[in-house]
C-alpha atoms as a PDB file:
ATOM      1  CA  MET A   1      37.493  69.368  83.001  1.00  0.00           C
ATOM      2  CA  LYS A   2      40.348  70.143  80.696  1.00  0.00           C
ATOM      3  CA  THR A   3      39.919  73.881  81.144  1.00  0.00           C
ATOM      4  CA  LYS A   4      39.736  73.597  84.952  1.00  0.00           C
ATOM      5  CA  MET A   5      43.017  71.637  85.107  1.00  0.00           C
ATOM      6  CA  MET A   6      44.834  74.317  83.161  1.00  0.00           C
ATOM      7  CA  VAL A   7      43.593  77.036  85.542  1.00  0.00           C
ATOM      8  CA  TRP A   8      44.591  75.029  88.588  1.00  0.00           C
ATOM      9  CA  LEU A   9      48.132  74.448  87.243  1.00  0.00           C
ATOM     10  CA  THR A  10      48.546  78.147  86.541  1.00  0.00           C
ATOM     11  CA  ALA A  11      47.554  78.974  90.116  1.00  0.00           C
ATOM     12  CA  VAL A  12      50.141  76.573  91.503  1.00  0.00           C
ATOM     13  CA  LEU A  13      52.899  78.101  89.404  1.00  0.00           C
ATOM     14  CA  LEU A  14      51.988  81.586  90.581  1.00  0.00           C
ATOM     15  CA  LEU A  15      52.046  80.416  94.187  1.00  0.00           C
ATOM     16  CA  CYS A  16      55.526  78.958  93.787  1.00  0.00           C
ATOM     17  CA  THR A  17      56.836  82.159  92.219  1.00  0.00           C
ATOM     18  CA  GLY A  18      55.468  84.191  95.112  1.00  0.00           C
ATOM     19  CA  THR A  19      57.144  81.909  97.671  1.00  0.00           C
ATOM     20  CA  VAL A  20      60.598  82.300  96.099  1.00  0.00           C
ATOM     21  CA  ALA A  21      60.247  86.082  96.094  1.00  0.00           C
ATOM     22  CA  GLN A  22      60.014  86.165  99.893  1.00  0.00           C
ATOM     23  CA  ALA A  23      63.757  85.414 100.305  1.00  0.00           C
ATOM     24  CA  ALA A  24      65.304  88.561  98.909  1.00  0.00           C
ATOM     25  CA  ILE A  25      68.080  89.878 101.155  1.00  0.00           C
ATOM     26  CA  ASN A  26      70.727  91.147  98.725  1.00  0.00           C
ATOM     27  CA  CYS A  27      74.099  92.578  99.721  1.00  0.00           C
ATOM     28  CA  ASN A  28      77.157  94.095  98.100  1.00  0.00           C
ATOM     29  CA  ILE A  29      80.625  94.960  99.397  1.00  0.00           C
ATOM     30  CA  SER A  30      82.944  97.868  98.573  1.00  0.00           C
ATOM     31  CA  SER A  31      86.222  99.386  99.757  1.00  0.00           C
ATOM     32  CA  PRO A  32      88.446 102.259  98.599  1.00  0.00           C
ATOM     33  CA  GLY A  33      91.565 100.152  99.244  1.00  0.00           C
ATOM     34  CA  ALA A  34      94.832 101.663 100.456  1.00  0.00           C
ATOM     35  CA  ASN A  35      97.387 104.122  99.113  1.00  0.00           C
ATOM     36  CA  THR A  36     100.552 104.671 101.153  1.00  0.00           C
ATOM     37  CA  ASN A  37     104.271 105.463 101.031  1.00  0.00           C
ATOM     38  CA  TYR A  38     107.114 103.191 102.104  1.00  0.00           C
ATOM     39  CA  GLU A  39     110.640 104.321 103.003  1.00  0.00           C
ATOM     40  CA  GLY A  40     112.020 101.182 104.633  1.00  0.00           C
ATOM     41  CA  VAL A  41     110.360 101.656 108.033  1.00  0.00           C
ATOM     42  CA  ALA A  42     107.196  99.841 109.139  1.00  0.00           C
ATOM     43  CA  VAL A  43     103.950 101.254 107.707  1.00  0.00           C
ATOM     44  CA  THR A  44     100.358 100.890 108.885  1.00  0.00           C
ATOM     45  CA  ALA A  45      97.728 102.280 106.488  1.00  0.00           C
ATOM     46  CA  GLN A  46      94.070 102.324 107.523  1.00  0.00           C
ATOM     47  CA  SER A  47      91.243 101.611 105.083  1.00  0.00           C
ATOM     48  CA  SER A  48      87.569 100.671 105.296  1.00  0.00           C
ATOM     49  CA  PHE A  49      84.847  98.483 103.870  1.00  0.00           C
ATOM     50  CA  SER A  50      81.105  98.924 103.539  1.00  0.00           C
ATOM     51  CA  ILE A  51      78.453  96.200 103.329  1.00  0.00           C
ATOM     52  CA  ASN A  52      75.122  97.449 101.953  1.00  0.00           C
ATOM     53  CA  CYS A  53      72.008  95.258 101.957  1.00  0.00           C
ATOM     54  CA  THR A  54      68.375  95.435 100.962  1.00  0.00           C
ATOM     55  CA  ARG A  55      65.395  93.198 101.804  1.00  0.00           C
ATOM     56  CA  LEU A  56      61.653  92.829 101.335  1.00  0.00           C
ATOM     57  CA  ALA A  57      59.284  93.582 104.194  1.00  0.00           C
ATOM     58  CA  ALA A  58      58.586  89.892 104.797  1.00  0.00           C
ATOM     59  CA  ASP A  59      62.281  88.939 105.017  1.00  0.00           C
ATOM     60  CA  PRO A  60      64.142  88.460 108.326  1.00  0.00           C
ATOM     61  CA  GLY A  61      65.531  91.522 110.079  1.00  0.00           C
ATOM     62  CA  THR A  62      68.942  89.957 110.713  1.00  0.00           C
ATOM     63  CA  ALA A  63      71.394  88.136 108.441  1.00  0.00           C
ATOM     64  CA  ALA A  64      74.787  86.685 109.357  1.00  0.00           C
ATOM     65  CA  TYR A  65      77.855  87.518 107.262  1.00  0.00           C
ATOM     66  CA  SER A  66      81.552  86.683 106.843  1.00  0.00           C
ATOM     67  CA  LEU A  67      84.034  88.825 104.902  1.00  0.00           C
ATOM     68  CA  ARG A  68      87.465  87.736 103.655  1.00  0.00           C
ATOM     69  CA  PRO A  69      90.093  89.171 101.266  1.00  0.00           C
ATOM     70  CA  SER A  70      92.046  87.294  98.621  1.00  0.00           C
ATOM     71  CA  ASN A  71      95.840  87.136  98.557  1.00  0.00           C
ATOM     72  CA  GLY A  72      95.968  89.517  95.611  1.00  0.00           C
ATOM     73  CA  LEU A  73      97.447  88.997  92.160  1.00  0.00           C
ATOM     74  CA  ASN A  74     100.978  88.050  93.263  1.00  0.00           C
ATOM     75  CA  PRO A  75     100.585  85.830  96.329  1.00  0.00           C
ATOM     76  CA  SER A  76     103.285  83.894  98.135  1.00  0.00           C
ATOM     77  CA  GLY A  77     101.347  81.582 100.405  1.00  0.00           C
ATOM     78  CA  GLN A  78      99.268  83.779 102.695  1.00  0.00           C
ATOM     79  CA  THR A  79     101.489  86.784 101.936  1.00  0.00           C
ATOM     80  CA  ASN A  80     100.309  89.442  99.504  1.00  0.00           C
ATOM     81  CA  ASN A  81     102.818  91.106  97.193  1.00  0.00           C
ATOM     82  CA  ALA A  82     102.395  94.406  95.380  1.00  0.00           C
ATOM     83  CA  ALA A  83     104.230  94.570  92.047  1.00  0.00           C
ATOM     84  CA  PHE A  84     106.420  97.145  90.343  1.00  0.00           C
ATOM     85  CA  GLY A  85     107.522  95.443  87.127  1.00  0.00           C
ATOM     86  CA  ALA A  86     109.399  92.324  88.224  1.00  0.00           C
ATOM     87  CA  ASN A  87     109.911  93.730  91.726  1.00  0.00           C
ATOM     88  CA  ARG A  88     107.700  92.654  94.641  1.00  0.00           C
ATOM     89  CA  LEU A  89     106.910  94.251  98.002  1.00  0.00           C
ATOM     90  CA  ALA A  90     105.227  92.160 100.695  1.00  0.00           C
ATOM     91  CA  TYR A  91     102.275  93.475 102.665  1.00  0.00           C
ATOM     92  CA  ALA A  92      99.368  92.002 104.620  1.00  0.00           C
ATOM     93  CA  HIS A  93      95.804  92.827 105.707  1.00  0.00           C
ATOM     94  CA  PHE A  94      94.997  93.070 109.412  1.00  0.00           C
ATOM     95  CA  LYS A  95      91.858  93.603 111.464  1.00  0.00           C
ATOM     96  CA  ASP A  96      93.626  95.833 113.991  1.00  0.00           C
ATOM     97  CA  SER A  97      95.842  98.903 113.907  1.00  0.00           C
ATOM     98  CA  ILE A  98      98.797  97.192 115.620  1.00  0.00           C
ATOM     99  CA  CYS A  99      98.952  94.453 112.981  1.00  0.00           C
ATOM    100  CA  THR A 100      98.445  91.456 115.261  1.00  0.00           C
ATOM    101  CA  ALA A 101      95.084  90.094 113.996  1.00  0.00           C
ATOM    102  CA  PRO A 102      95.467  88.908 110.392  1.00  0.00           C
ATOM    103  CA  TRP A 103      92.573  89.285 107.937  1.00  0.00           C
ATOM    104  CA  ARG A 104      93.116  86.368 105.575  1.00  0.00           C
ATOM    105  CA  ALA A 105      91.655  84.465 102.667  1.00  0.00           C
ATOM    106  CA  SER A 106      91.566  81.283 104.721  1.00  0.00           C
ATOM    107  CA  GLY A 107      91.950  80.124 108.296  1.00  0.00           C
ATOM    108  CA  ASN A 108      89.640  80.074 111.288  1.00  0.00           C
ATOM    109  CA  SER A 109      86.884  82.557 112.027  1.00  0.00           C
ATOM    110  CA  SER A 110      89.301  84.940 113.760  1.00  0.00           C
ATOM    111  CA  ASN A 111      90.864  85.596 110.332  1.00  0.00           C
ATOM    112  CA  ALA A 112      87.566  86.936 108.938  1.00  0.00           C
ATOM    113  CA  PHE A 113      85.248  89.800 109.717  1.00  0.00           C
ATOM    114  CA  GLU A 114      82.065  88.141 110.972  1.00  0.00           C
ATOM    115  CA  GLY A 115      78.861  89.443 112.448  1.00  0.00           C
ATOM    116  CA  ASP A 116      75.218  90.257 111.742  1.00  0.00           C
ATOM    117  CA  ILE A 117      73.585  92.613 109.282  1.00  0.00           C
ATOM    118  CA  ASN A 118      70.741  94.232 111.220  1.00  0.00           C
ATOM    119  CA  PHE A 119      67.743  95.901 109.605  1.00  0.00           C
ATOM    120  CA  ILE A 120      66.480  98.387 112.183  1.00  0.00           C
ATOM    121  CA  GLY A 121      62.728  98.149 112.777  1.00  0.00           C
ATOM    122  CA  THR A 122      60.919  98.058 109.458  1.00  0.00           C
ATOM    123  CA  ALA A 123      63.879  99.388 107.472  1.00  0.00           C
ATOM    124  CA  LEU A 124      64.446  97.714 104.123  1.00  0.00           C
ATOM    125  CA  THR A 125      68.128  98.722 103.923  1.00  0.00           C
ATOM    126  CA  ALA A 126      71.064  98.106 106.246  1.00  0.00           C
ATOM    127  CA  THR A 127      74.743  99.017 106.233  1.00  0.00           C
ATOM    128  CA  VAL A 128      77.744  97.585 108.053  1.00  0.00           C
ATOM    129  CA  ASN A 129      80.926  99.670 108.022  1.00  0.00           C
ATOM    130  CA  GLY A 130      84.307  98.488 109.230  1.00  0.00           C
ATOM    131  CA  SER A 131      88.016  99.282 109.172  1.00  0.00           C
ATOM    132  CA  PHE A 132      91.029  97.225 108.214  1.00  0.00           C
ATOM    133  CA  TRP A 133      94.739  97.986 108.029  1.00  0.00           C
ATOM    134  CA  VAL A 134      97.416  97.307 105.432  1.00  0.00           C
ATOM    135  CA  CYS A 135     100.722  96.650 107.193  1.00  0.00           C
ATOM    136  CA  ILE A 136     104.231  96.577 105.715  1.00  0.00           C
ATOM    137  CA  SER A 137     107.217  95.405 107.751  1.00  0.00           C
ATOM    138  CA  GLY A 138     110.270  97.617 108.132  1.00  0.00           C
ATOM    139  CA  GLY A 139     113.635  96.771 106.605  1.00  0.00           C
ATOM    140  CA  LEU A 140     112.373  95.354 103.301  1.00  0.00           C
ATOM    141  CA  SER A 141     114.586  95.610 100.248  1.00  0.00           C
ATOM    142  CA  TYR A 142     112.926  97.453  97.383  1.00  0.00           C
ATOM    143  CA  ALA A 143     113.496  99.310  94.159  1.00  0.00           C
ATOM    144  CA  ALA A 144     112.031 102.803  94.089  1.00  0.00           C
ATOM    145  CA  GLY A 145     108.720 102.980  92.244  1.00  0.00           C
ATOM    146  CA  VAL A 146     104.963 102.518  92.657  1.00  0.00           C
ATOM    147  CA  TYR A 147     103.874  99.002  93.610  1.00  0.00           C
ATOM    148  CA  ASN A 148     100.290  97.942  92.873  1.00  0.00           C
ATOM    149  CA  ASP A 149      98.014  95.037  93.638  1.00  0.00           C
ATOM    150  CA  THR A 150      94.303  94.210  93.384  1.00  0.00           C
ATOM    151  CA  VAL A 151      92.533  92.321  96.141  1.00  0.00           C
ATOM    152  CA  THR A 152      89.163  90.592  95.758  1.00  0.00           C
ATOM    153  CA  MET A 153      86.866  90.632  98.781  1.00  0.00           C
ATOM    154  CA  THR A 154      84.286  87.874  99.184  1.00  0.00           C
ATOM    155  CA  LEU A 155      81.213  88.561 101.286  1.00  0.00           C
ATOM    156  CA  SER A 156      79.291  85.436 102.326  1.00  0.00           C
ATOM    157  CA  TYR A 157      75.901  86.065 103.900  1.00  0.00           C
ATOM    158  CA  ASN A 158      72.494  84.585 104.656  1.00  0.00           C
ATOM    159  CA  ASN A 159      69.903  85.710 102.132  1.00  0.00           C
ATOM    160  CA  GLY A 160      66.963  85.190 104.454  1.00  0.00           C
ATOM    161  CA  THR A 161      66.457  81.454 104.127  1.00  0.00           C
ATOM    162  CA  GLY A 162      67.864  78.696 106.319  1.00  0.00           C
ATOM    163  CA  ASN A 163      70.695  79.152 108.773  1.00  0.00           C
ATOM    164  CA  LYS A 164      73.687  79.087 106.434  1.00  0.00           C
ATOM    165  CA  LEU A 165      75.767  81.655 104.566  1.00  0.00           C
ATOM    166  CA  ASN A 166      74.033  80.799 101.320  1.00  0.00           C
ATOM    167  CA  ALA A 167      74.720  83.882  99.201  1.00  0.00           C
ATOM    168  CA  SER A 168      77.840  85.803  98.236  1.00  0.00           C
ATOM    169  CA  ALA A 169      79.051  89.036  96.693  1.00  0.00           C
ATOM    170  CA  ASN A 170      82.477  90.088  95.442  1.00  0.00           C
ATOM    171  CA  ASP A 171      84.290  93.318  94.839  1.00  0.00           C
ATOM    172  CA  THR A 172      87.909  94.408  94.453  1.00  0.00           C
ATOM    173  CA  HIS A 173      89.960  97.103  96.098  1.00  0.00           C
ATOM    174  CA  PRO A 174      93.310  98.553  94.968  1.00  0.00           C
ATOM    175  CA  ILE A 175      96.583  98.591  96.875  1.00  0.00           C
ATOM    176  CA  SER A 176      99.136 101.237  95.865  1.00  0.00           C
ATOM    177  CA  ILE A 177     102.493 101.604  97.624  1.00  0.00           C
ATOM    178  CA  ASN A 178     104.822 104.411  96.588  1.00  0.00           C
ATOM    179  CA  THR A 179     108.367 103.556  97.600  1.00  0.00           C
ATOM    180  CA  VAL A 180     110.517 106.616  98.252  1.00  0.00           C
ATOM    181  CA  PRO A 181     114.242 106.461  97.334  1.00  0.00           C
ATOM    182  CA  SER A 182     116.303 106.301 100.492  1.00  0.00           C
ATOM    183  CA  CYS A 183     119.994 106.321 101.304  1.00  0.00           C
ATOM    184  CA  THR A 184     121.398 106.452 104.819  1.00  0.00           C
ATOM    185  CA  ILE A 185     124.784 106.229 106.507  1.00  0.00           C
ATOM    186  CA  SER A 186     124.187 103.140 108.619  1.00  0.00           C
ATOM    187  CA  SER A 187     127.607 103.172 110.282  1.00  0.00           C
ATOM    188  CA  ALA A 188     129.521 106.444 110.525  1.00  0.00           C
ATOM    189  CA  PRO A 189     133.255 106.647 109.799  1.00  0.00           C
ATOM    190  CA  GLY A 190     135.693 106.853 112.667  1.00  0.00           C
ATOM    191  CA  ASN A 191     138.913 108.896 112.966  1.00  0.00           C
ATOM    192  CA  LEU A 192     141.915 108.550 110.698  1.00  0.00           C
ATOM    193  CA  ASN A 193     144.997 108.503 112.926  1.00  0.00           C
ATOM    194  CA  PHE A 194     148.294 109.339 111.212  1.00  0.00           C
ATOM    195  CA  SER A 195     151.641 108.711 112.861  1.00  0.00           C
ATOM    196  CA  TYR A 196     154.286 110.867 111.206  1.00  0.00           C
ATOM    197  CA  THR A 197     157.979 111.501 111.790  1.00  0.00           C
ATOM    198  CA  ALA A 198     159.581 114.582 110.233  1.00  0.00           C
ATOM    199  CA  PHE A 199     161.230 113.832 106.882  1.00  0.00           C
ATOM    200  CA  GLN A 200     160.263 110.146 107.013  1.00  0.00           C
ATOM    201  CA  GLY A 201     161.085 108.220 103.852  1.00  0.00           C
ATOM    202  CA  THR A 202     157.676 106.735 103.150  1.00  0.00           C
ATOM    203  CA  ALA A 203     154.149 108.034 103.168  1.00  0.00           C
ATOM    204  CA  SER A 204     152.044 107.625 106.301  1.00  0.00           C
ATOM    205  CA  THR A 205     148.623 106.050 105.731  1.00  0.00           C
ATOM    206  CA  ALA A 206     145.425 105.663 107.726  1.00  0.00           C
ATOM    207  CA  SER A 207     141.965 104.247 107.019  1.00  0.00           C
ATOM    208  CA  THR A 208     138.459 104.071 108.484  1.00  0.00           C
ATOM    209  CA  SER A 209     135.304 102.355 107.269  1.00  0.00           C
ATOM    210  CA  PHE A 210     131.641 103.348 107.036  1.00  0.00           C
ATOM    211  CA  SER A 211     128.474 101.690 105.768  1.00  0.00           C
ATOM    212  CA  THR A 212     125.483 102.821 103.736  1.00  0.00           C
ATOM    213  CA  THR A 213     122.046 101.321 103.137  1.00  0.00           C
ATOM    214  CA  CYS A 214     120.402 102.556  99.932  1.00  0.00           C
ATOM    215  CA  THR A 215     117.323 101.589  97.949  1.00  0.00           C
ATOM    216  CA  THR A 216     117.806  98.737  95.492  1.00  0.00           C
ATOM    217  CA  SER A 217     119.014  99.961  92.072  1.00  0.00           C
ATOM    218  CA  LEU A 218     119.349 103.533  93.354  1.00  0.00           C
ATOM    219  CA  GLY A 219     122.460 105.225  92.003  1.00  0.00           C
ATOM    220  CA  TYR A 220     124.326 107.416  94.483  1.00  0.00           C
ATOM    221  CA  SER A 221     127.693 109.082  94.952  1.00  0.00           C
ATOM    222  CA  MET A 222     129.901 109.761  97.952  1.00  0.00           C
ATOM    223  CA  SER A 223     132.449 112.473  98.581  1.00  0.00           C
ATOM    224  CA  VAL A 224     134.579 113.813 101.401  1.00  0.00           C
ATOM    225  CA  THR A 225     134.998 117.518 101.909  1.00  0.00           C
ATOM    226  CA  ALA A 226     137.583 118.819 102.131  1.00  0.00           C
ATOM    227  CA  ALA A 227     139.499 116.086 100.290  1.00  0.00           C
ATOM    228  CA  SER A 228     142.807 117.246 101.737  1.00  0.00           C
ATOM    229  CA  GLY A 229     144.153 119.018 104.791  1.00  0.00           C
ATOM    230  CA  VAL A 230     147.160 120.169 106.809  1.00  0.00           C
ATOM    231  CA  ALA A 231     147.794 119.162 110.419  1.00  0.00           C
ATOM    232  CA  SER A 232     150.899 120.381 112.272  1.00  0.00           C
ATOM    233  CA  GLY A 233     152.419 121.364 108.952  1.00  0.00           C
ATOM    234  CA  VAL A 234     151.932 117.920 107.415  1.00  0.00           C
ATOM    235  CA  ASN A 235     149.872 117.746 104.231  1.00  0.00           C
ATOM    236  CA  TYR A 236     147.578 114.762 103.659  1.00  0.00           C
ATOM    237  CA  GLY A 237     144.891 113.693 101.217  1.00  0.00           C
ATOM    238  CA  LEU A 238     141.733 111.597 101.512  1.00  0.00           C
ATOM    239  CA  ASN A 239     140.205 109.134  99.058  1.00  0.00           C
ATOM    240  CA  LEU A 240     137.152 106.830  99.012  1.00  0.00           C
ATOM    241  CA  ASN A 241     137.304 103.177  98.016  1.00  0.00           C
ATOM    242  CA  THR A 242     135.713  99.772  98.462  1.00  0.00           C
ATOM    243  CA  SER A 243     138.916  98.522 100.095  1.00  0.00           C
ATOM    244  CA  ALA A 244     141.226  99.891 102.791  1.00  0.00           C
ATOM    245  CA  SER A 245     143.734 101.483 100.379  1.00  0.00           C
ATOM    246  CA  GLY A 246     143.770 103.811  97.383  1.00  0.00           C
ATOM    247  CA  GLY A 247     140.611 105.128  95.773  1.00  0.00           C
ATOM    248  CA  SER A 248     139.296 108.379  94.396  1.00  0.00           C
ATOM    249  CA  ILE A 249     136.768 111.148  95.058  1.00  0.00           C
ATOM    250  CA  PRO A 250     133.922 111.060  94.339  1.00  0.00           C
ATOM    251  CA  LEU A 251     133.047 107.369  94.519  1.00  0.00           C
ATOM    252  CA  GLY A 252     129.831 106.076  92.926  1.00  0.00           C
ATOM    253  CA  SER A 253     127.745 103.045  93.792  1.00  0.00           C
ATOM    254  CA  VAL A 254     124.325 101.456  93.281  1.00  0.00           C
ATOM    255  CA  GLY A 255     122.100 100.537  96.206  1.00  0.00           C
ATOM    256  CA  THR A 256     121.264  96.925  96.980  1.00  0.00           C
ATOM    257  CA  GLY A 257     118.794  97.452  99.821  1.00  0.00           C
ATOM    258  CA  ALA A 258     121.394  95.907 102.139  1.00  0.00           C
ATOM    259  CA  LEU A 259     124.397  97.216 104.048  1.00  0.00           C
ATOM    260  CA  GLN A 260     127.337  98.276 101.840  1.00  0.00           C
ATOM    261  CA  THR A 261     130.760  98.990 103.338  1.00  0.00           C
ATOM    262  CA  PHE A 262     133.245 101.570 102.047  1.00  0.00           C
ATOM    263  CA  TYR A 263     136.519 103.126 103.242  1.00  0.00           C
ATOM    264  CA  ILE A 264     138.030 106.565 103.641  1.00  0.00           C
ATOM    265  CA  ASN A 265     141.743 106.208 103.026  1.00  0.00           C
ATOM    266  CA  GLY A 266     144.256 108.870 103.959  1.00  0.00           C
ATOM    267  CA  SER A 267     147.869 109.375 102.894  1.00  0.00           C
ATOM    268  CA  ALA A 268     150.478 111.906 104.084  1.00  0.00           C
ATOM    269  CA  PRO A 269     153.381 112.047 101.591  1.00  0.00           C
ATOM    270  CA  ALA A 270     156.956 111.380 102.706  1.00  0.00           C
ATOM    271  CA  ALA A 271     159.713 113.952 103.367  1.00  0.00           C
ATOM    272  CA  GLN A 272     157.646 116.620 105.127  1.00  0.00           C
ATOM    273  CA  ALA A 273     159.191 118.628 107.941  1.00  0.00           C
ATOM    274  CA  GLY A 274     156.035 119.471 109.832  1.00  0.00           C
ATOM    275  CA  THR A 275     155.894 122.158 112.521  1.00  0.00           C
ATOM    276  CA  CYS A 276     156.347 120.138 115.713  1.00  0.00           C
ATOM    277  CA  GLY A 277     159.243 120.617 118.086  1.00  0.00           C
ATOM    278  CA  ALA A 278     161.498 117.922 119.449  1.00  0.00           C
ATOM    279  CA  SER A 279     158.892 116.751 121.955  1.00  0.00           C
ATOM    280  CA  GLY A 280     156.304 116.039 119.223  1.00  0.00           C
ATOM    281  CA  CYS A 281     152.743 117.316 118.915  1.00  0.00           C
ATOM    282  CA  SER A 282     149.268 116.436 117.679  1.00  0.00           C
ATOM    283  CA  ALA A 283     146.619 118.229 115.655  1.00  0.00           C
ATOM    284  CA  SER A 284     143.264 117.431 114.082  1.00  0.00           C
ATOM    285  CA  GLN A 285     141.057 118.548 111.219  1.00  0.00           C
ATOM    286  CA  SER A 286     137.337 117.857 110.609  1.00  0.00           C
ATOM    287  CA  HIS A 287     135.967 116.572 107.312  1.00  0.00           C
ATOM    288  CA  SER A 288     132.432 115.772 106.080  1.00  0.00           C
ATOM    289  CA  LEU A 289     131.192 112.652 104.322  1.00  0.00           C
ATOM    290  CA  ILE A 290     128.424 113.519 101.829  1.00  0.00           C
ATOM    291  CA  ILE A 291     126.001 111.042 100.193  1.00  0.00           C
ATOM    292  CA  THR A 292     124.178 112.319  97.103  1.00  0.00           C
ATOM    293  CA  PHE A 293     121.285 110.458  95.461  1.00  0.00           C
END
């Protein structure tokens, strides 16, 4: 009797082990991530993910899944931030190419990729491929450099037992954003209008403003060419400054990512005869504003 009981117990244990082995749908998730450039205008970078699963012949042919990303290593609420030293650049994951359907770590089902993993016929492997987009808004302030982040994807799926998402797999994908130094003349200078009377006792002055928008911490210089001129026999000079008088050429500055305003100031020295007759005259000269960075 003692020997028979031991054999019977062994048979039961083997039966239990065989039952557990029937539920064996296993999945993993992978993605190459995204690598893109940013120059201050909106960016949409496409990437992809791949879900790969295996099963045993006795397992179900269909398994439900849900896929979500994390908010990366430098989150601000639901916003992801790539990092370049202490600098941050905001970006987000979307399910569509026009950046209207967020792919998020939390929220309702519309914020996740959801569907079924289908094993075709008697196949023991199945793959689900999909696309997502990394979107960056235009007009962000940034320092030039390479911004990086790492995002963890969590795949929840049914492993072949019950009706719930009772198994999970994780993987990470990289985000790399190369910010290109940029400097633009946001508001062009206007005309400098001198009013001059022959042999007048004081200099005649004129001024016009312009604005630049340059990458944060980007050093740049400005110059006007030519820096002087002659109109109707009257000599004048031009200078750059942060205020509407005085200044020098060239003028240097450092970008802030926001609009910066500067001035071109002109001065025509006193006591010049000019070449106009008694009825007066007018003349003009063209000059160029040059930004170097």
